[in-house]
Amino acid sequence: MSRLVLSILRMATEPMTSRDIALEMLISRALDKRDQKLLRLMTKRVGVALRTQRENGVVVANQGPGQFKVWEIRRER
């Protein structure tokens, strides 16, 4: 799961929400993107993977629109 999440973030042109990442996963796996129950489940799984990678220092979260966080790969300076 983490590998696919990181792959999606690496290809992203801007930071993404966990829901956006989950939607990209559904599309890439040719699953039904209109299935709201599946989308919620994938969003939760993506969130767990992102929090783990944040603890490992691989990704960072910033405040996004509303109460959402947007995620991106940590850039070395």
PDB file of N, CA and C in Angstrom:
ATOM      1  N   MET A   1       0.831  -1.194   0.000  1.00  0.00           N
ATOM      2  CA  MET A   1       0.000   0.000   0.000  1.00  0.00           C
ATOM      3  C   MET A   1       0.874   1.256   0.000  1.00  0.00           C
ATOM      4  N   SER A   2       1.868   1.294   0.880  1.00  0.00           N
ATOM      5  CA  SER A   2       2.737   2.474   0.964  1.00  0.00           C
ATOM      6  C   SER A   2       3.476   2.724  -0.343  1.00  0.00           C
ATOM      7  N   ARG A   3       3.896   1.671  -0.981  1.00  0.00           N
ATOM      8  CA  ARG A   3       4.639   1.813  -2.238  1.00  0.00           C
ATOM      9  C   ARG A   3       3.789   2.500  -3.303  1.00  0.00           C
ATOM     10  N   LEU A   4       2.544   2.093  -3.416  1.00  0.00           N
ATOM     11  CA  LEU A   4       1.649   2.688  -4.408  1.00  0.00           C
ATOM     12  C   LEU A   4       1.308   4.135  -4.042  1.00  0.00           C
ATOM     13  N   VAL A   5       1.086   4.397  -2.765  1.00  0.00           N
ATOM     14  CA  VAL A   5       0.797   5.758  -2.306  1.00  0.00           C
ATOM     15  C   VAL A   5       1.968   6.676  -2.634  1.00  0.00           C
ATOM     16  N   LEU A   6       3.179   6.238  -2.327  1.00  0.00           N
ATOM     17  CA  LEU A   6       4.360   7.057  -2.599  1.00  0.00           C
ATOM     18  C   LEU A   6       4.559   7.253  -4.096  1.00  0.00           C
ATOM     19  N   SER A   7       4.258   6.241  -4.876  1.00  0.00           N
ATOM     20  CA  SER A   7       4.373   6.350  -6.322  1.00  0.00           C
ATOM     21  C   SER A   7       3.416   7.416  -6.867  1.00  0.00           C
ATOM     22  N   ILE A   8       2.202   7.428  -6.366  1.00  0.00           N
ATOM     23  CA  ILE A   8       1.215   8.425  -6.793  1.00  0.00           C
ATOM     24  C   ILE A   8       1.679   9.829  -6.396  1.00  0.00           C
ATOM     25  N   LEU A   9       2.201   9.968  -5.177  1.00  0.00           N
ATOM     26  CA  LEU A   9       2.673  11.281  -4.735  1.00  0.00           C
ATOM     27  C   LEU A   9       3.881  11.757  -5.546  1.00  0.00           C
ATOM     28  N   ARG A  10       4.742  10.830  -5.925  1.00  0.00           N
ATOM     29  CA  ARG A  10       5.914  11.221  -6.724  1.00  0.00           C
ATOM     30  C   ARG A  10       5.509  11.765  -8.087  1.00  0.00           C
ATOM     31  N   MET A  11       4.457  11.235  -8.660  1.00  0.00           N
ATOM     32  CA  MET A  11       3.998  11.675  -9.974  1.00  0.00           C
ATOM     33  C   MET A  11       3.106  12.910  -9.910  1.00  0.00           C
ATOM     34  N   ALA A  12       2.639  13.272  -8.714  1.00  0.00           N
ATOM     35  CA  ALA A  12       1.714  14.401  -8.567  1.00  0.00           C
ATOM     36  C   ALA A  12       2.430  15.725  -8.820  1.00  0.00           C
ATOM     37  N   THR A  13       1.713  16.646  -9.420  1.00  0.00           N
ATOM     38  CA  THR A  13       2.276  17.968  -9.683  1.00  0.00           C
ATOM     39  C   THR A  13       2.019  18.929  -8.529  1.00  0.00           C
ATOM     40  N   GLU A  14       1.121  18.546  -7.621  1.00  0.00           N
ATOM     41  CA  GLU A  14       0.820  19.368  -6.453  1.00  0.00           C
ATOM     42  C   GLU A  14       0.446  18.445  -5.298  1.00  0.00           C
ATOM     43  N   PRO A  15       0.475  18.953  -4.063  1.00  0.00           N
ATOM     44  CA  PRO A  15       0.097  18.117  -2.917  1.00  0.00           C
ATOM     45  C   PRO A  15      -1.328  17.584  -3.068  1.00  0.00           C
ATOM     46  N   MET A  16      -1.573  16.397  -2.512  1.00  0.00           N
ATOM     47  CA  MET A  16      -2.866  15.728  -2.668  1.00  0.00           C
ATOM     48  C   MET A  16      -3.450  15.361  -1.313  1.00  0.00           C
ATOM     49  N   THR A  17      -4.782  15.298  -1.238  1.00  0.00           N
ATOM     50  CA  THR A  17      -5.447  14.798  -0.036  1.00  0.00           C
ATOM     51  C   THR A  17      -5.429  13.272  -0.075  1.00  0.00           C
ATOM     52  N   SER A  18      -5.678  12.659   1.060  1.00  0.00           N
ATOM     53  CA  SER A  18      -5.706  11.195   1.103  1.00  0.00           C
ATOM     54  C   SER A  18      -6.853  10.658   0.241  1.00  0.00           C
ATOM     55  N   ARG A  19      -7.938  11.401   0.148  1.00  0.00           N
ATOM     56  CA  ARG A  19      -9.059  10.972  -0.692  1.00  0.00           C
ATOM     57  C   ARG A  19      -8.662  11.004  -2.170  1.00  0.00           C
ATOM     58  N   ASP A  20      -7.938  12.050  -2.574  1.00  0.00           N
ATOM     59  CA  ASP A  20      -7.474  12.129  -3.959  1.00  0.00           C
ATOM     60  C   ASP A  20      -6.546  10.964  -4.299  1.00  0.00           C
ATOM     61  N   ILE A  21      -5.682  10.621  -3.362  1.00  0.00           N
ATOM     62  CA  ILE A  21      -4.759   9.508  -3.568  1.00  0.00           C
ATOM     63  C   ILE A  21      -5.540   8.199  -3.675  1.00  0.00           C
ATOM     64  N   ALA A  22      -6.527   8.022  -2.790  1.00  0.00           N
ATOM     65  CA  ALA A  22      -7.352   6.812  -2.822  1.00  0.00           C
ATOM     66  C   ALA A  22      -8.100   6.703  -4.153  1.00  0.00           C
ATOM     67  N   LEU A  23      -8.601   7.816  -4.656  1.00  0.00           N
ATOM     68  CA  LEU A  23      -9.304   7.815  -5.940  1.00  0.00           C
ATOM     69  C   LEU A  23      -8.358   7.415  -7.072  1.00  0.00           C
ATOM     70  N   GLU A  24      -7.140   7.925  -7.050  1.00  0.00           N
ATOM     71  CA  GLU A  24      -6.145   7.541  -8.057  1.00  0.00           C
ATOM     72  C   GLU A  24      -5.841   6.045  -7.975  1.00  0.00           C
ATOM     73  N   MET A  25      -5.809   5.504  -6.761  1.00  0.00           N
ATOM     74  CA  MET A  25      -5.554   4.070  -6.598  1.00  0.00           C
ATOM     75  C   MET A  25      -6.687   3.252  -7.213  1.00  0.00           C
ATOM     76  N   LEU A  26      -7.918   3.676  -6.974  1.00  0.00           N
ATOM     77  CA  LEU A  26      -9.058   2.956  -7.546  1.00  0.00           C
ATOM     78  C   LEU A  26      -9.002   2.982  -9.067  1.00  0.00           C
ATOM     79  N   ILE A  27      -8.664   4.129  -9.621  1.00  0.00           N
ATOM     80  CA  ILE A  27      -8.585   4.251 -11.077  1.00  0.00           C
ATOM     81  C   ILE A  27      -7.457   3.382 -11.624  1.00  0.00           C
ATOM     82  N   SER A  28      -6.299   3.406 -10.963  1.00  0.00           N
ATOM     83  CA  SER A  28      -5.157   2.628 -11.460  1.00  0.00           C
ATOM     84  C   SER A  28      -5.390   1.126 -11.357  1.00  0.00           C
ATOM     85  N   ARG A  29      -6.230   0.708 -10.415  1.00  0.00           N
ATOM     86  CA  ARG A  29      -6.537  -0.716 -10.262  1.00  0.00           C
ATOM     87  C   ARG A  29      -7.792  -1.122 -11.017  1.00  0.00           C
ATOM     88  N   ALA A  30      -8.358  -0.195 -11.778  1.00  0.00           N
ATOM     89  CA  ALA A  30      -9.573  -0.432 -12.571  1.00  0.00           C
ATOM     90  C   ALA A  30     -10.744  -0.878 -11.692  1.00  0.00           C
ATOM     91  N   LEU A  31     -10.866  -0.263 -10.513  1.00  0.00           N
ATOM     92  CA  LEU A  31     -11.989  -0.542  -9.620  1.00  0.00           C
ATOM     93  C   LEU A  31     -13.042   0.547  -9.805  1.00  0.00           C
ATOM     94  N   ASP A  32     -14.236   0.297  -9.295  1.00  0.00           N
ATOM     95  CA  ASP A  32     -15.350   1.228  -9.461  1.00  0.00           C
ATOM     96  C   ASP A  32     -15.128   2.466  -8.599  1.00  0.00           C
ATOM     97  N   LYS A  33     -14.816   3.587  -9.223  1.00  0.00           N
ATOM     98  CA  LYS A  33     -14.546   4.821  -8.484  1.00  0.00           C
ATOM     99  C   LYS A  33     -15.820   5.454  -7.941  1.00  0.00           C
ATOM    100  N   ARG A  34     -16.994   4.975  -8.361  1.00  0.00           N
ATOM    101  CA  ARG A  34     -18.266   5.500  -7.851  1.00  0.00           C
ATOM    102  C   ARG A  34     -18.715   4.786  -6.581  1.00  0.00           C
ATOM    103  N   ASP A  35     -18.032   3.698  -6.201  1.00  0.00           N
ATOM    104  CA  ASP A  35     -18.379   2.937  -5.003  1.00  0.00           C
ATOM    105  C   ASP A  35     -17.898   3.708  -3.770  1.00  0.00           C
ATOM    106  N   GLN A  36     -18.819   4.421  -3.120  1.00  0.00           N
ATOM    107  CA  GLN A  36     -18.452   5.297  -2.004  1.00  0.00           C
ATOM    108  C   GLN A  36     -17.923   4.520  -0.795  1.00  0.00           C
ATOM    109  N   LYS A  37     -18.458   3.341  -0.560  1.00  0.00           N
ATOM    110  CA  LYS A  37     -17.991   2.522   0.564  1.00  0.00           C
ATOM    111  C   LYS A  37     -16.534   2.101   0.332  1.00  0.00           C
ATOM    112  N   LEU A  38     -16.223   1.678  -0.870  1.00  0.00           N
ATOM    113  CA  LEU A  38     -14.858   1.289  -1.209  1.00  0.00           C
ATOM    114  C   LEU A  38     -13.922   2.494  -1.147  1.00  0.00           C
ATOM    115  N   LEU A  39     -14.381   3.644  -1.608  1.00  0.00           N
ATOM    116  CA  LEU A  39     -13.566   4.857  -1.567  1.00  0.00           C
ATOM    117  C   LEU A  39     -13.246   5.261  -0.127  1.00  0.00           C
ATOM    118  N   ARG A  40     -14.236   5.176   0.761  1.00  0.00           N
ATOM    119  CA  ARG A  40     -13.990   5.486   2.180  1.00  0.00           C
ATOM    120  C   ARG A  40     -12.977   4.527   2.780  1.00  0.00           C
ATOM    121  N   LEU A  41     -13.108   3.240   2.480  1.00  0.00           N
ATOM    122  CA  LEU A  41     -12.173   2.242   2.994  1.00  0.00           C
ATOM    123  C   LEU A  41     -10.758   2.517   2.492  1.00  0.00           C
ATOM    124  N   MET A  42     -10.619   2.777   1.211  1.00  0.00           N
ATOM    125  CA  MET A  42      -9.297   3.055   0.642  1.00  0.00           C
ATOM    126  C   MET A  42      -8.720   4.348   1.211  1.00  0.00           C
ATOM    127  N   THR A  43      -9.558   5.339   1.448  1.00  0.00           N
ATOM    128  CA  THR A  43      -9.089   6.601   2.032  1.00  0.00           C
ATOM    129  C   THR A  43      -8.522   6.364   3.424  1.00  0.00           C
ATOM    130  N   LYS A  44      -9.176   5.518   4.204  1.00  0.00           N
ATOM    131  CA  LYS A  44      -8.666   5.198   5.542  1.00  0.00           C
ATOM    132  C   LYS A  44      -7.332   4.472   5.450  1.00  0.00           C
ATOM    133  N   ARG A  45      -7.224   3.528   4.548  1.00  0.00           N
ATOM    134  CA  ARG A  45      -5.977   2.782   4.389  1.00  0.00           C
ATOM    135  C   ARG A  45      -4.849   3.687   3.910  1.00  0.00           C
ATOM    136  N   VAL A  46      -5.158   4.593   2.998  1.00  0.00           N
ATOM    137  CA  VAL A  46      -4.162   5.555   2.513  1.00  0.00           C
ATOM    138  C   VAL A  46      -3.716   6.439   3.672  1.00  0.00           C
ATOM    139  N   GLY A  47      -4.651   6.883   4.503  1.00  0.00           N
ATOM    140  CA  GLY A  47      -4.318   7.717   5.653  1.00  0.00           C
ATOM    141  C   GLY A  47      -3.357   7.030   6.604  1.00  0.00           C
ATOM    142  N   VAL A  48      -3.575   5.760   6.867  1.00  0.00           N
ATOM    143  CA  VAL A  48      -2.672   4.998   7.739  1.00  0.00           C
ATOM    144  C   VAL A  48      -1.278   4.916   7.116  1.00  0.00           C
ATOM    145  N   ALA A  49      -1.224   4.629   5.827  1.00  0.00           N
ATOM    146  CA  ALA A  49       0.060   4.535   5.139  1.00  0.00           C
ATOM    147  C   ALA A  49       0.788   5.878   5.161  1.00  0.00           C
ATOM    148  N   LEU A  50       0.049   6.976   4.960  1.00  0.00           N
ATOM    149  CA  LEU A  50       0.664   8.300   4.964  1.00  0.00           C
ATOM    150  C   LEU A  50       1.190   8.682   6.343  1.00  0.00           C
ATOM    151  N   ARG A  51       0.436   8.376   7.384  1.00  0.00           N
ATOM    152  CA  ARG A  51       0.904   8.699   8.740  1.00  0.00           C
ATOM    153  C   ARG A  51       2.166   7.920   9.081  1.00  0.00           C
ATOM    154  N   THR A  52       2.225   6.670   8.662  1.00  0.00           N
ATOM    155  CA  THR A  52       3.429   5.863   8.889  1.00  0.00           C
ATOM    156  C   THR A  52       4.616   6.465   8.151  1.00  0.00           C
ATOM    157  N   GLN A  53       4.408   6.868   6.918  1.00  0.00           N
ATOM    158  CA  GLN A  53       5.496   7.457   6.139  1.00  0.00           C
ATOM    159  C   GLN A  53       5.889   8.835   6.679  1.00  0.00           C
ATOM    160  N   ARG A  54       4.945   9.564   7.275  1.00  0.00           N
ATOM    161  CA  ARG A  54       5.285  10.843   7.912  1.00  0.00           C
ATOM    162  C   ARG A  54       6.188  10.610   9.116  1.00  0.00           C
ATOM    163  N   GLU A  55       5.882   9.573   9.898  1.00  0.00           N
ATOM    164  CA  GLU A  55       6.730   9.233  11.046  1.00  0.00           C
ATOM    165  C   GLU A  55       8.125   8.832  10.598  1.00  0.00           C
ATOM    166  N   ASN A  56       8.233   8.232   9.412  1.00  0.00           N
ATOM    167  CA  ASN A  56       9.536   7.839   8.866  1.00  0.00           C
ATOM    168  C   ASN A  56      10.247   8.999   8.171  1.00  0.00           C
ATOM    169  N   GLY A  57       9.596  10.148   8.070  1.00  0.00           N
ATOM    170  CA  GLY A  57      10.204  11.318   7.467  1.00  0.00           C
ATOM    171  C   GLY A  57      10.185  11.340   5.951  1.00  0.00           C
ATOM    172  N   VAL A  58       9.318  10.540   5.341  1.00  0.00           N
ATOM    173  CA  VAL A  58       9.270  10.444   3.884  1.00  0.00           C
ATOM    174  C   VAL A  58       8.303  11.465   3.287  1.00  0.00           C
ATOM    175  N   VAL A  59       7.171  11.709   3.956  1.00  0.00           N
ATOM    176  CA  VAL A  59       6.170  12.656   3.460  1.00  0.00           C
ATOM    177  C   VAL A  59       5.907  13.726   4.518  1.00  0.00           C
ATOM    178  N   VAL A  60       5.331  14.825   4.081  1.00  0.00           N
ATOM    179  CA  VAL A  60       4.926  15.895   4.990  1.00  0.00           C
ATOM    180  C   VAL A  60       3.469  16.250   4.697  1.00  0.00           C
ATOM    181  N   ALA A  61       2.779  16.699   5.742  1.00  0.00           N
ATOM    182  CA  ALA A  61       1.384  17.118   5.606  1.00  0.00           C
ATOM    183  C   ALA A  61       1.291  18.610   5.882  1.00  0.00           C
ATOM    184  N   ASN A  62       0.521  19.299   5.068  1.00  0.00           N
ATOM    185  CA  ASN A  62       0.263  20.721   5.257  1.00  0.00           C
ATOM    186  C   ASN A  62      -1.229  20.946   5.289  1.00  0.00           C
ATOM    187  N   GLN A  63      -1.631  22.092   5.836  1.00  0.00           N
ATOM    188  CA  GLN A  63      -3.058  22.417   5.884  1.00  0.00           C
ATOM    189  C   GLN A  63      -3.565  22.688   4.476  1.00  0.00           C
ATOM    190  N   GLY A  64      -4.629  22.021   4.123  1.00  0.00           N
ATOM    191  CA  GLY A  64      -5.229  22.197   2.800  1.00  0.00           C
ATOM    192  C   GLY A  64      -6.532  22.957   2.910  1.00  0.00           C
ATOM    193  N   PRO A  65      -7.398  22.818   1.933  1.00  0.00           N
ATOM    194  CA  PRO A  65      -8.684  23.518   1.967  1.00  0.00           C
ATOM    195  C   PRO A  65      -9.577  22.970   3.076  1.00  0.00           C
ATOM    196  N   GLY A  66     -10.203  23.861   3.808  1.00  0.00           N
ATOM    197  CA  GLY A  66     -11.087  23.428   4.891  1.00  0.00           C
ATOM    198  C   GLY A  66     -10.306  22.722   5.975  1.00  0.00           C
ATOM    199  N   GLN A  67     -10.793  21.565   6.374  1.00  0.00           N
ATOM    200  CA  GLN A  67     -10.137  20.796   7.429  1.00  0.00           C
ATOM    201  C   GLN A  67      -9.232  19.706   6.869  1.00  0.00           C
ATOM    202  N   PHE A  68      -9.038  19.694   5.569  1.00  0.00           N
ATOM    203  CA  PHE A  68      -8.246  18.650   4.932  1.00  0.00           C
ATOM    204  C   PHE A  68      -6.758  18.934   5.035  1.00  0.00           C
ATOM    205  N   LYS A  69      -5.986  17.863   5.067  1.00  0.00           N
ATOM    206  CA  LYS A  69      -4.537  17.963   4.965  1.00  0.00           C
ATOM    207  C   LYS A  69      -4.147  17.569   3.549  1.00  0.00           C
ATOM    208  N   VAL A  70      -3.111  18.204   3.055  1.00  0.00           N
ATOM    209  CA  VAL A  70      -2.569  17.806   1.763  1.00  0.00           C
ATOM    210  C   VAL A  70      -1.171  17.232   2.009  1.00  0.00           C
ATOM    211  N   TRP A  71      -0.860  16.197   1.269  1.00  0.00           N
ATOM    212  CA  TRP A  71       0.372  15.438   1.476  1.00  0.00           C
ATOM    213  C   TRP A  71       1.280  15.583   0.281  1.00  0.00           C
ATOM    214  N   GLU A  72       2.588  15.562   0.547  1.00  0.00           N
ATOM    215  CA  GLU A  72       3.570  15.584  -0.516  1.00  0.00           C
ATOM    216  C   GLU A  72       4.850  14.902  -0.041  1.00  0.00           C
ATOM    217  N   ILE A  73       5.666  14.496  -0.988  1.00  0.00           N
ATOM    218  CA  ILE A  73       6.952  13.880  -0.684  1.00  0.00           C
ATOM    219  C   ILE A  73       7.857  14.958  -0.103  1.00  0.00           C
ATOM    220  N   ARG A  74       8.557  14.624   0.966  1.00  0.00           N
ATOM    221  CA  ARG A  74       9.487  15.578   1.577  1.00  0.00           C
ATOM    222  C   ARG A  74      10.638  15.820   0.610  1.00  0.00           C
ATOM    223  N   ARG A  75      10.915  17.051   0.360  1.00  0.00           N
ATOM    224  CA  ARG A  75      12.014  17.451  -0.531  1.00  0.00           C
ATOM    225  C   ARG A  75      13.243  17.752   0.301  1.00  0.00           C
ATOM    226  N   GLU A  76      14.385  17.238  -0.144  1.00  0.00           N
ATOM    227  CA  GLU A  76      15.641  17.521   0.539  1.00  0.00           C
ATOM    228  C   GLU A  76      16.097  18.921   0.194  1.00  0.00           C
ATOM    229  N   ARG A  77      16.663  19.589   1.139  1.00  0.00           N
ATOM    230  CA  ARG A  77      17.142  20.965   0.896  1.00  0.00           C
ATOM    231  C   ARG A  77      18.633  20.997   0.821  1.00  0.00           C
TER     232      ARG A  77
END
